PDB file of N, CA and C in Angstrom:
ATOM      1  N   UNK A   1       5.305 182.020 124.618  1.00  0.00           N
ATOM      2  CA  UNK A   1       6.742 182.094 124.455  1.00  0.00           C
ATOM      3  C   UNK A   1       7.197 183.545 124.466  1.00  0.00           C
ATOM      4  N   UNK A   2       8.392 183.753 124.953  1.00  0.00           N
ATOM      5  CA  UNK A   2       8.935 185.103 124.965  1.00  0.00           C
ATOM      6  C   UNK A   2       9.494 185.438 123.591  1.00  0.00           C
ATOM      7  N   UNK A   3       9.764 186.725 123.383  1.00  0.00           N
ATOM      8  CA  UNK A   3      10.295 187.165 122.099  1.00  0.00           C
ATOM      9  C   UNK A   3      11.653 186.547 121.807  1.00  0.00           C
ATOM     10  N   UNK A   4      12.490 186.406 122.820  1.00  0.00           N
ATOM     11  CA  UNK A   4      13.823 185.842 122.627  1.00  0.00           C
ATOM     12  C   UNK A   4      13.752 184.406 122.123  1.00  0.00           C
ATOM     13  N   UNK A   5      12.845 183.610 122.708  1.00  0.00           N
ATOM     14  CA  UNK A   5      12.710 182.219 122.285  1.00  0.00           C
ATOM     15  C   UNK A   5      12.182 182.121 120.851  1.00  0.00           C
ATOM     16  N   UNK A   6      11.269 183.018 120.485  1.00  0.00           N
ATOM     17  CA  UNK A   6      10.721 182.991 119.142  1.00  0.00           C
ATOM     18  C   UNK A   6      11.795 183.350 118.118  1.00  0.00           C
ATOM     19  N   UNK A   7      12.608 184.348 118.418  1.00  0.00           N
ATOM     20  CA  UNK A   7      13.688 184.746 117.518  1.00  0.00           C
ATOM     21  C   UNK A   7      14.705 183.617 117.411  1.00  0.00           C
ATOM     22  N   UNK A   8      15.024 182.985 118.530  1.00  0.00           N
ATOM     23  CA  UNK A   8      15.980 181.884 118.542  1.00  0.00           C
ATOM     24  C   UNK A   8      15.461 180.722 117.704  1.00  0.00           C
ATOM     25  N   UNK A   9      14.188 180.409 117.837  1.00  0.00           N
ATOM     26  CA  UNK A   9      13.587 179.313 117.088  1.00  0.00           C
ATOM     27  C   UNK A   9      13.593 179.613 115.590  1.00  0.00           C
ATOM     28  N   UNK A  10      13.304 180.848 115.224  1.00  0.00           N
ATOM     29  CA  UNK A  10      13.287 181.231 113.820  1.00  0.00           C
ATOM     30  C   UNK A  10      14.683 181.165 113.211  1.00  0.00           C
ATOM     31  N   UNK A  11      15.705 181.538 113.970  1.00  0.00           N
ATOM     32  CA  UNK A  11      17.069 181.504 113.464  1.00  0.00           C
ATOM     33  C   UNK A  11      17.540 180.077 113.226  1.00  0.00           C
ATOM     34  N   UNK A  12      17.073 179.138 114.040  1.00  0.00           N
ATOM     35  CA  UNK A  12      17.547 177.775 113.924  1.00  0.00           C
ATOM     36  C   UNK A  12      16.783 176.978 112.876  1.00  0.00           C
ATOM     37  N   UNK A  13      15.861 177.610 112.145  1.00  0.00           N
ATOM     38  CA  UNK A  13      15.110 176.913 111.107  1.00  0.00           C
ATOM     39  C   UNK A  13      16.036 176.459 109.994  1.00  0.00           C
ATOM     40  N   UNK A  14      15.643 175.386 109.355  1.00  0.00           N
ATOM     41  CA  UNK A  14      16.455 174.785 108.309  1.00  0.00           C
ATOM     42  C   UNK A  14      16.463 175.670 107.066  1.00  0.00           C
ATOM     43  N   UNK A  15      17.631 175.924 106.501  1.00  0.00           N
ATOM     44  CA  UNK A  15      17.743 176.684 105.259  1.00  0.00           C
ATOM     45  C   UNK A  15      18.490 175.838 104.240  1.00  0.00           C
ATOM     46  N   UNK A  16      18.064 175.947 102.990  1.00  0.00           N
ATOM     47  CA  UNK A  16      18.732 175.218 101.909  1.00  0.00           C
ATOM     48  C   UNK A  16      18.851 176.117 100.686  1.00  0.00           C
ATOM     49  N   UNK A  17      19.760 175.748  99.793  1.00  0.00           N
ATOM     50  CA  UNK A  17      20.006 176.506  98.573  1.00  0.00           C
ATOM     51  C   UNK A  17      19.573 175.663  97.380  1.00  0.00           C
ATOM     52  N   UNK A  18      18.918 176.302  96.416  1.00  0.00           N
ATOM     53  CA  UNK A  18      18.467 175.579  95.236  1.00  0.00           C
ATOM     54  C   UNK A  18      18.221 176.515  94.069  1.00  0.00           C
ATOM     55  N   UNK A  19      17.785 175.929  92.951  1.00  0.00           N
ATOM     56  CA  UNK A  19      17.539 176.669  91.729  1.00  0.00           C
ATOM     57  C   UNK A  19      16.041 176.726  91.452  1.00  0.00           C
ATOM     58  N   UNK A  20      15.563 177.892  91.042  1.00  0.00           N
ATOM     59  CA  UNK A  20      14.148 178.050  90.716  1.00  0.00           C
ATOM     60  C   UNK A  20      13.882 177.384  89.369  1.00  0.00           C
ATOM     61  N   UNK A  21      12.912 176.454  89.341  1.00  0.00           N
ATOM     62  CA  UNK A  21      12.570 175.780  88.085  1.00  0.00           C
ATOM     63  C   UNK A  21      11.198 176.192  87.567  1.00  0.00           C
ATOM     64  N   UNK A  22      10.399 176.877  88.406  1.00  0.00           N
ATOM     65  CA  UNK A  22       9.102 177.373  87.950  1.00  0.00           C
ATOM     66  C   UNK A  22       8.701 178.590  88.773  1.00  0.00           C
ATOM     67  N   UNK A  23       8.146 179.597  88.067  1.00  0.00           N
ATOM     68  CA  UNK A  23       7.640 180.792  88.745  1.00  0.00           C
ATOM     69  C   UNK A  23       6.262 181.167  88.197  1.00  0.00           C
ATOM     70  N   UNK A  24       5.543 180.188  87.676  1.00  0.00           N
ATOM     71  CA  UNK A  24       4.273 180.458  87.005  1.00  0.00           C
ATOM     72  C   UNK A  24       3.127 180.750  87.959  1.00  0.00           C
ATOM     73  N   UNK A  25       3.247 180.313  89.214  1.00  0.00           N
ATOM     74  CA  UNK A  25       2.182 180.549  90.178  1.00  0.00           C
ATOM     75  C   UNK A  25       2.340 181.922  90.836  1.00  0.00           C
ATOM     76  N   UNK A  26       1.247 182.443  91.350  1.00  0.00           N
ATOM     77  CA  UNK A  26       1.277 183.731  92.023  1.00  0.00           C
ATOM     78  C   UNK A  26       1.831 183.552  93.442  1.00  0.00           C
ATOM     79  N   UNK A  27       2.908 184.277  93.759  1.00  0.00           N
ATOM     80  CA  UNK A  27       3.560 184.260  95.069  1.00  0.00           C
ATOM     81  C   UNK A  27       4.117 182.895  95.464  1.00  0.00           C
ATOM     82  N   UNK A  28       4.370 182.032  94.493  1.00  0.00           N
ATOM     83  CA  UNK A  28       4.928 180.713  94.761  1.00  0.00           C
ATOM     84  C   UNK A  28       5.981 180.396  93.723  1.00  0.00           C
ATOM     85  N   UNK A  29       7.095 179.816  94.185  1.00  0.00           N
ATOM     86  CA  UNK A  29       8.135 179.333  93.278  1.00  0.00           C
ATOM     87  C   UNK A  29       8.392 177.867  93.589  1.00  0.00           C
ATOM     88  N   UNK A  30       8.886 177.139  92.594  1.00  0.00           N
ATOM     89  CA  UNK A  30       9.290 175.756  92.787  1.00  0.00           C
ATOM     90  C   UNK A  30      10.813 175.734  92.723  1.00  0.00           C
ATOM     91  N   UNK A  31      11.435 175.234  93.787  1.00  0.00           N
ATOM     92  CA  UNK A  31      12.888 175.215  93.898  1.00  0.00           C
ATOM     93  C   UNK A  31      13.366 173.769  93.837  1.00  0.00           C
ATOM     94  N   UNK A  32      14.357 173.523  92.974  1.00  0.00           N
ATOM     95  CA  UNK A  32      14.934 172.187  92.860  1.00  0.00           C
ATOM     96  C   UNK A  32      16.238 172.159  93.647  1.00  0.00           C
ATOM     97  N   UNK A  33      16.330 171.174  94.560  1.00  0.00           N
ATOM     98  CA  UNK A  33      17.497 171.041  95.422  1.00  0.00           C
ATOM     99  C   UNK A  33      18.206 169.748  95.054  1.00  0.00           C
ATOM    100  N   UNK A  34      19.513 169.840  94.867  1.00  0.00           N
ATOM    101  CA  UNK A  34      20.309 168.671  94.496  1.00  0.00           C
ATOM    102  C   UNK A  34      21.105 168.177  95.698  1.00  0.00           C
ATOM    103  N   UNK A  35      21.146 166.859  95.869  1.00  0.00           N
ATOM    104  CA  UNK A  35      21.998 166.259  96.886  1.00  0.00           C
ATOM    105  C   UNK A  35      22.683 165.063  96.271  1.00  0.00           C
ATOM    106  N   UNK A  36      23.862 164.744  96.762  1.00  0.00           N
ATOM    107  CA  UNK A  36      24.621 163.616  96.234  1.00  0.00           C
ATOM    108  C   UNK A  36      24.615 162.486  97.248  1.00  0.00           C
ATOM    109  N   UNK A  37      24.265 161.283  96.773  1.00  0.00           N
ATOM    110  CA  UNK A  37      24.148 160.110  97.623  1.00  0.00           C
ATOM    111  C   UNK A  37      25.115 159.054  97.109  1.00  0.00           C
ATOM    112  N   UNK A  38      25.849 158.438  98.001  1.00  0.00           N
ATOM    113  CA  UNK A  38      26.797 157.403  97.613  1.00  0.00           C
ATOM    114  C   UNK A  38      26.068 156.078  97.424  1.00  0.00           C
ATOM    115  N   UNK A  39      26.296 155.423  96.284  1.00  0.00           N
ATOM    116  CA  UNK A  39      25.682 154.127  96.016  1.00  0.00           C
ATOM    117  C   UNK A  39      26.229 153.105  97.016  1.00  0.00           C
ATOM    118  N   UNK A  40      25.340 152.326  97.653  1.00  0.00           N
ATOM    119  CA  UNK A  40      25.800 151.432  98.722  1.00  0.00           C
ATOM    120  C   UNK A  40      26.757 150.333  98.269  1.00  0.00           C
ATOM    121  N   UNK A  41      26.633 149.851  97.035  1.00  0.00           N
ATOM    122  CA  UNK A  41      27.495 148.762  96.574  1.00  0.00           C
ATOM    123  C   UNK A  41      28.685 149.259  95.763  1.00  0.00           C
ATOM    124  N   UNK A  42      28.424 150.152  94.801  1.00  0.00           N
ATOM    125  CA  UNK A  42      29.476 150.553  93.864  1.00  0.00           C
ATOM    126  C   UNK A  42      30.253 151.785  94.293  1.00  0.00           C
ATOM    127  N   UNK A  43      29.745 152.547  95.241  1.00  0.00           N
ATOM    128  CA  UNK A  43      30.486 153.695  95.754  1.00  0.00           C
ATOM    129  C   UNK A  43      30.405 154.943  94.904  1.00  0.00           C
ATOM    130  N   UNK A  44      29.736 154.870  93.758  1.00  0.00           N
ATOM    131  CA  UNK A  44      29.604 156.041  92.898  1.00  0.00           C
ATOM    132  C   UNK A  44      28.593 157.012  93.510  1.00  0.00           C
ATOM    133  N   UNK A  45      28.871 158.304  93.373  1.00  0.00           N
ATOM    134  CA  UNK A  45      27.953 159.313  93.881  1.00  0.00           C
ATOM    135  C   UNK A  45      26.878 159.594  92.833  1.00  0.00           C
ATOM    136  N   UNK A  46      25.619 159.529  93.267  1.00  0.00           N
ATOM    137  CA  UNK A  46      24.471 159.713  92.395  1.00  0.00           C
ATOM    138  C   UNK A  46      23.774 161.011  92.791  1.00  0.00           C
ATOM    139  N   UNK A  47      23.345 161.786  91.788  1.00  0.00           N
ATOM    140  CA  UNK A  47      22.626 163.029  92.059  1.00  0.00           C
ATOM    141  C   UNK A  47      21.149 162.721  92.267  1.00  0.00           C
ATOM    142  N   UNK A  48      20.600 163.223  93.359  1.00  0.00           N
ATOM    143  CA  UNK A  48      19.177 163.091  93.655  1.00  0.00           C
ATOM    144  C   UNK A  48      18.596 164.493  93.768  1.00  0.00           C
ATOM    145  N   UNK A  49      17.372 164.665  93.300  1.00  0.00           N
ATOM    146  CA  UNK A  49      16.742 165.980  93.288  1.00  0.00           C
ATOM    147  C   UNK A  49      15.444 165.964  94.080  1.00  0.00           C
ATOM    148  N   UNK A  50      15.149 167.076  94.725  1.00  0.00           N
ATOM    149  CA  UNK A  50      13.882 167.281  95.428  1.00  0.00           C
ATOM    150  C   UNK A  50      13.289 168.599  94.953  1.00  0.00           C
ATOM    151  N   UNK A  51      11.970 168.625  94.803  1.00  0.00           N
ATOM    152  CA  UNK A  51      11.279 169.865  94.444  1.00  0.00           C
ATOM    153  C   UNK A  51      10.543 170.373  95.670  1.00  0.00           C
ATOM    154  N   UNK A  52      10.727 171.653  95.970  1.00  0.00           N
ATOM    155  CA  UNK A  52      10.089 172.263  97.121  1.00  0.00           C
ATOM    156  C   UNK A  52       9.369 173.525  96.692  1.00  0.00           C
ATOM    157  N   UNK A  53       8.171 173.693  97.220  1.00  0.00           N
ATOM    158  CA  UNK A  53       7.371 174.871  96.929  1.00  0.00           C
ATOM    159  C   UNK A  53       7.654 175.920  97.996  1.00  0.00           C
ATOM    160  N   UNK A  54       7.986 177.135  97.548  1.00  0.00           N
ATOM    161  CA  UNK A  54       8.355 178.199  98.482  1.00  0.00           C
ATOM    162  C   UNK A  54       7.512 179.450  98.221  1.00  0.00           C
ATOM    163  N   UNK A  55       7.273 180.200  99.296  1.00  0.00           N
ATOM    164  CA  UNK A  55       6.494 181.430  99.226  1.00  0.00           C
ATOM    165  C   UNK A  55       7.392 182.592  98.804  1.00  0.00           C
ATOM    166  N   UNK A  56       7.009 183.271  97.733  1.00  0.00           N
ATOM    167  CA  UNK A  56       7.742 184.427  97.214  1.00  0.00           C
ATOM    168  C   UNK A  56       6.775 185.607  97.207  1.00  0.00           C
ATOM    169  N   UNK A  57       6.765 186.361  98.279  1.00  0.00           N
ATOM    170  CA  UNK A  57       5.760 187.415  98.497  1.00  0.00           C
ATOM    171  C   UNK A  57       5.714 188.446  97.373  1.00  0.00           C
ATOM    172  N   UNK A  58       6.871 188.840  96.839  1.00  0.00           N
ATOM    173  CA  UNK A  58       6.925 189.923  95.846  1.00  0.00           C
ATOM    174  C   UNK A  58       7.009 189.430  94.408  1.00  0.00           C
ATOM    175  N   UNK A  59       6.910 188.135  94.182  1.00  0.00           N
ATOM    176  CA  UNK A  59       7.096 187.548  92.846  1.00  0.00           C
ATOM    177  C   UNK A  59       8.410 188.026  92.229  1.00  0.00           C
ATOM    178  N   UNK A  60       9.467 188.029  93.024  1.00  0.00           N
ATOM    179  CA  UNK A  60      10.752 188.575  92.602  1.00  0.00           C
ATOM    180  C   UNK A  60      11.609 187.566  91.845  1.00  0.00           C
ATOM    181  N   UNK A  61      11.377 186.284  92.029  1.00  0.00           N
ATOM    182  CA  UNK A  61      12.220 185.250  91.424  1.00  0.00           C
ATOM    183  C   UNK A  61      11.766 184.887  90.024  1.00  0.00           C
ATOM    184  N   UNK A  62      12.728 184.437  89.227  1.00  0.00           N
ATOM    185  CA  UNK A  62      12.462 183.946  87.881  1.00  0.00           C
ATOM    186  C   UNK A  62      13.192 182.630  87.687  1.00  0.00           C
ATOM    187  N   UNK A  63      12.853 181.917  86.641  1.00  0.00           N
ATOM    188  CA  UNK A  63      13.454 180.612  86.372  1.00  0.00           C
ATOM    189  C   UNK A  63      14.964 180.765  86.229  1.00  0.00           C
ATOM    190  N   UNK A  64      15.708 179.875  86.893  1.00  0.00           N
ATOM    191  CA  UNK A  64      17.164 179.871  86.812  1.00  0.00           C
ATOM    192  C   UNK A  64      17.868 180.584  87.953  1.00  0.00           C
ATOM    193  N   UNK A  65      17.141 181.333  88.771  1.00  0.00           N
ATOM    194  CA  UNK A  65      17.751 182.048  89.891  1.00  0.00           C
ATOM    195  C   UNK A  65      18.216 181.062  90.965  1.00  0.00           C
ATOM    196  N   UNK A  66      19.338 181.379  91.592  1.00  0.00           N
ATOM    197  CA  UNK A  66      19.850 180.605  92.723  1.00  0.00           C
ATOM    198  C   UNK A  66      19.341 181.286  93.993  1.00  0.00           C
ATOM    199  N   UNK A  67      18.604 180.538  94.826  1.00  0.00           N
ATOM    200  CA  UNK A  67      17.936 181.139  95.980  1.00  0.00           C
ATOM    201  C   UNK A  67      18.200 180.354  97.256  1.00  0.00           C
ATOM    202  N   UNK A  68      17.986 181.034  98.384  1.00  0.00           N
ATOM    203  CA  UNK A  68      18.027 180.395  99.701  1.00  0.00           C
ATOM    204  C   UNK A  68      16.603 180.406 100.228  1.00  0.00           C
ATOM    205  N   UNK A  69      16.123 179.225 100.666  1.00  0.00           N
ATOM    206  CA  UNK A  69      14.780 179.134 101.233  1.00  0.00           C
ATOM    207  C   UNK A  69      14.876 178.599 102.651  1.00  0.00           C
ATOM    208  N   UNK A  70      13.891 178.947 103.463  1.00  0.00           N
ATOM    209  CA  UNK A  70      13.884 178.590 104.881  1.00  0.00           C
ATOM    210  C   UNK A  70      12.585 177.864 105.206  1.00  0.00           C
ATOM    211  N   UNK A  71      12.696 176.839 106.034  1.00  0.00           N
ATOM    212  CA  UNK A  71      11.521 176.086 106.434  1.00  0.00           C
ATOM    213  C   UNK A  71      10.641 176.941 107.336  1.00  0.00           C
ATOM    214  N   UNK A  72       9.326 176.807 107.157  1.00  0.00           N
ATOM    215  CA  UNK A  72       8.376 177.601 107.925  1.00  0.00           C
ATOM    216  C   UNK A  72       7.125 176.767 108.193  1.00  0.00           C
ATOM    217  N   UNK A  73       6.152 177.354 108.834  1.00  0.00           N
ATOM    218  CA  UNK A  73       4.897 176.642 109.093  1.00  0.00           C
ATOM    219  C   UNK A  73       4.205 176.360 107.764  1.00  0.00           C
ATOM    220  N   UNK A  74       3.287 175.399 107.714  1.00  0.00           N
ATOM    221  CA  UNK A  74       2.568 175.139 106.461  1.00  0.00           C
ATOM    222  C   UNK A  74       1.750 176.355 106.015  1.00  0.00           C
ATOM    223  N   UNK A  75       1.997 176.796 104.784  1.00  0.00           N
ATOM    224  CA  UNK A  75       1.290 177.954 104.240  1.00  0.00           C
ATOM    225  C   UNK A  75       0.136 177.538 103.342  1.00  0.00           C
ATOM    226  N   UNK A  76       0.215 176.335 102.797  1.00  0.00           N
ATOM    227  CA  UNK A  76      -0.862 175.775 101.983  1.00  0.00           C
ATOM    228  C   UNK A  76      -0.684 174.259 101.993  1.00  0.00           C
ATOM    229  N   UNK A  77      -1.366 173.571 101.092  1.00  0.00           N
ATOM    230  CA  UNK A  77      -1.276 172.114 101.058  1.00  0.00           C
ATOM    231  C   UNK A  77       0.152 171.639 100.815  1.00  0.00           C
ATOM    232  N   UNK A  78       0.887 172.324  99.964  1.00  0.00           N
ATOM    233  CA  UNK A  78       2.242 171.880  99.603  1.00  0.00           C
ATOM    234  C   UNK A  78       3.355 172.834 100.034  1.00  0.00           C
ATOM    235  N   UNK A  79       3.045 174.097 100.349  1.00  0.00           N
ATOM    236  CA  UNK A  79       4.087 175.076 100.671  1.00  0.00           C
ATOM    237  C   UNK A  79       4.496 175.018 102.137  1.00  0.00           C
ATOM    238  N   UNK A  80       5.790 174.689 102.372  1.00  0.00           N
ATOM    239  CA  UNK A  80       6.341 174.677 103.725  1.00  0.00           C
ATOM    240  C   UNK A  80       7.642 175.471 103.802  1.00  0.00           C
ATOM    241  N   UNK A  81       7.957 176.238 102.778  1.00  0.00           N
ATOM    242  CA  UNK A  81       9.204 176.997 102.710  1.00  0.00           C
ATOM    243  C   UNK A  81       8.906 178.434 102.343  1.00  0.00           C
ATOM    244  N   UNK A  82       9.821 179.348 102.696  1.00  0.00           N
ATOM    245  CA  UNK A  82       9.693 180.746 102.285  1.00  0.00           C
ATOM    246  C   UNK A  82      11.035 181.222 101.749  1.00  0.00           C
ATOM    247  N   UNK A  83      10.985 182.164 100.839  1.00  0.00           N
ATOM    248  CA  UNK A  83      12.174 182.731 100.218  1.00  0.00           C
ATOM    249  C   UNK A  83      12.891 183.631 101.214  1.00  0.00           C
ATOM    250  N   UNK A  84      14.214 183.414 101.369  1.00  0.00           N
ATOM    251  CA  UNK A  84      15.016 184.254 102.254  1.00  0.00           C
ATOM    252  C   UNK A  84      15.764 185.292 101.432  1.00  0.00           C
ATOM    253  N   UNK A  85      16.498 184.819 100.408  1.00  0.00           N
ATOM    254  CA  UNK A  85      17.235 185.761  99.559  1.00  0.00           C
ATOM    255  C   UNK A  85      17.547 185.134  98.212  1.00  0.00           C
ATOM    256  N   UNK A  86      17.820 186.004  97.248  1.00  0.00           N
ATOM    257  CA  UNK A  86      18.230 185.569  95.913  1.00  0.00           C
ATOM    258  C   UNK A  86      19.738 185.740  95.837  1.00  0.00           C
ATOM    259  N   UNK A  87      20.457 184.630  95.657  1.00  0.00           N
ATOM    260  CA  UNK A  87      21.914 184.681  95.630  1.00  0.00           C
ATOM    261  C   UNK A  87      22.448 185.112  94.256  1.00  0.00           C
ATOM    262  N   UNK A  88      21.861 184.588  93.194  1.00  0.00           N
ATOM    263  CA  UNK A  88      22.342 184.882  91.854  1.00  0.00           C
ATOM    264  C   UNK A  88      21.168 184.911  90.897  1.00  0.00           C
ATOM    265  N   UNK A  89      21.084 185.976  90.120  1.00  0.00           N
ATOM    266  CA  UNK A  89      20.012 186.120  89.131  1.00  0.00           C
ATOM    267  C   UNK A  89      20.426 185.474  87.822  1.00  0.00           C
ATOM    268  N   UNK A  90      19.478 184.850  87.157  1.00  0.00           N
ATOM    269  CA  UNK A  90      19.712 184.309  85.809  1.00  0.00           C
ATOM    270  C   UNK A  90      19.582 185.465  84.819  1.00  0.00           C
ATOM    271  N   UNK A  91      20.492 185.522  83.880  1.00  0.00           N
ATOM    272  CA  UNK A  91      20.455 186.611  82.905  1.00  0.00           C
ATOM    273  C   UNK A  91      19.281 186.419  81.959  1.00  0.00           C
ATOM    274  N   UNK A  92      18.561 187.504  81.711  1.00  0.00           N
ATOM    275  CA  UNK A  92      17.395 187.456  80.819  1.00  0.00           C
ATOM    276  C   UNK A  92      17.848 187.577  79.387  1.00  0.00           C
ATOM    277  N   UNK A  93      17.146 186.862  78.498  1.00  0.00           N
ATOM    278  CA  UNK A  93      17.495 186.921  77.068  1.00  0.00           C
ATOM    279  C   UNK A  93      16.535 187.792  76.314  1.00  0.00           C
TER     280      UNK A  93
END
C-alpha cells in the first residue's frame, strides 16, 4: 500500500469517547463507554455499558479521566484500542 492509502485508512478508524475506570495495568487502561438503547416495547431509553482495553504508552491516564480511543490492530489478547487524547482530567484528592 502507498503512504496515502495508509494515512487515509488510519484516519477513518473508529474513535469513541469514554471514562477511564482502571489504570492498574502497565501501559493499559480500561475505558467504559456508555450508549443509550431504546426499549423495544416501552420506549424508555436504557443505558448500556461496554468495557474496552486501550493502550496507554506513557501511563498518562488515571481513573475518572475522559478520553478518546481509536480502534487499532490487536495488541494483545484483549487490547484492540489505543489512546488518542485526554479530553478532561479528573481532579486528584
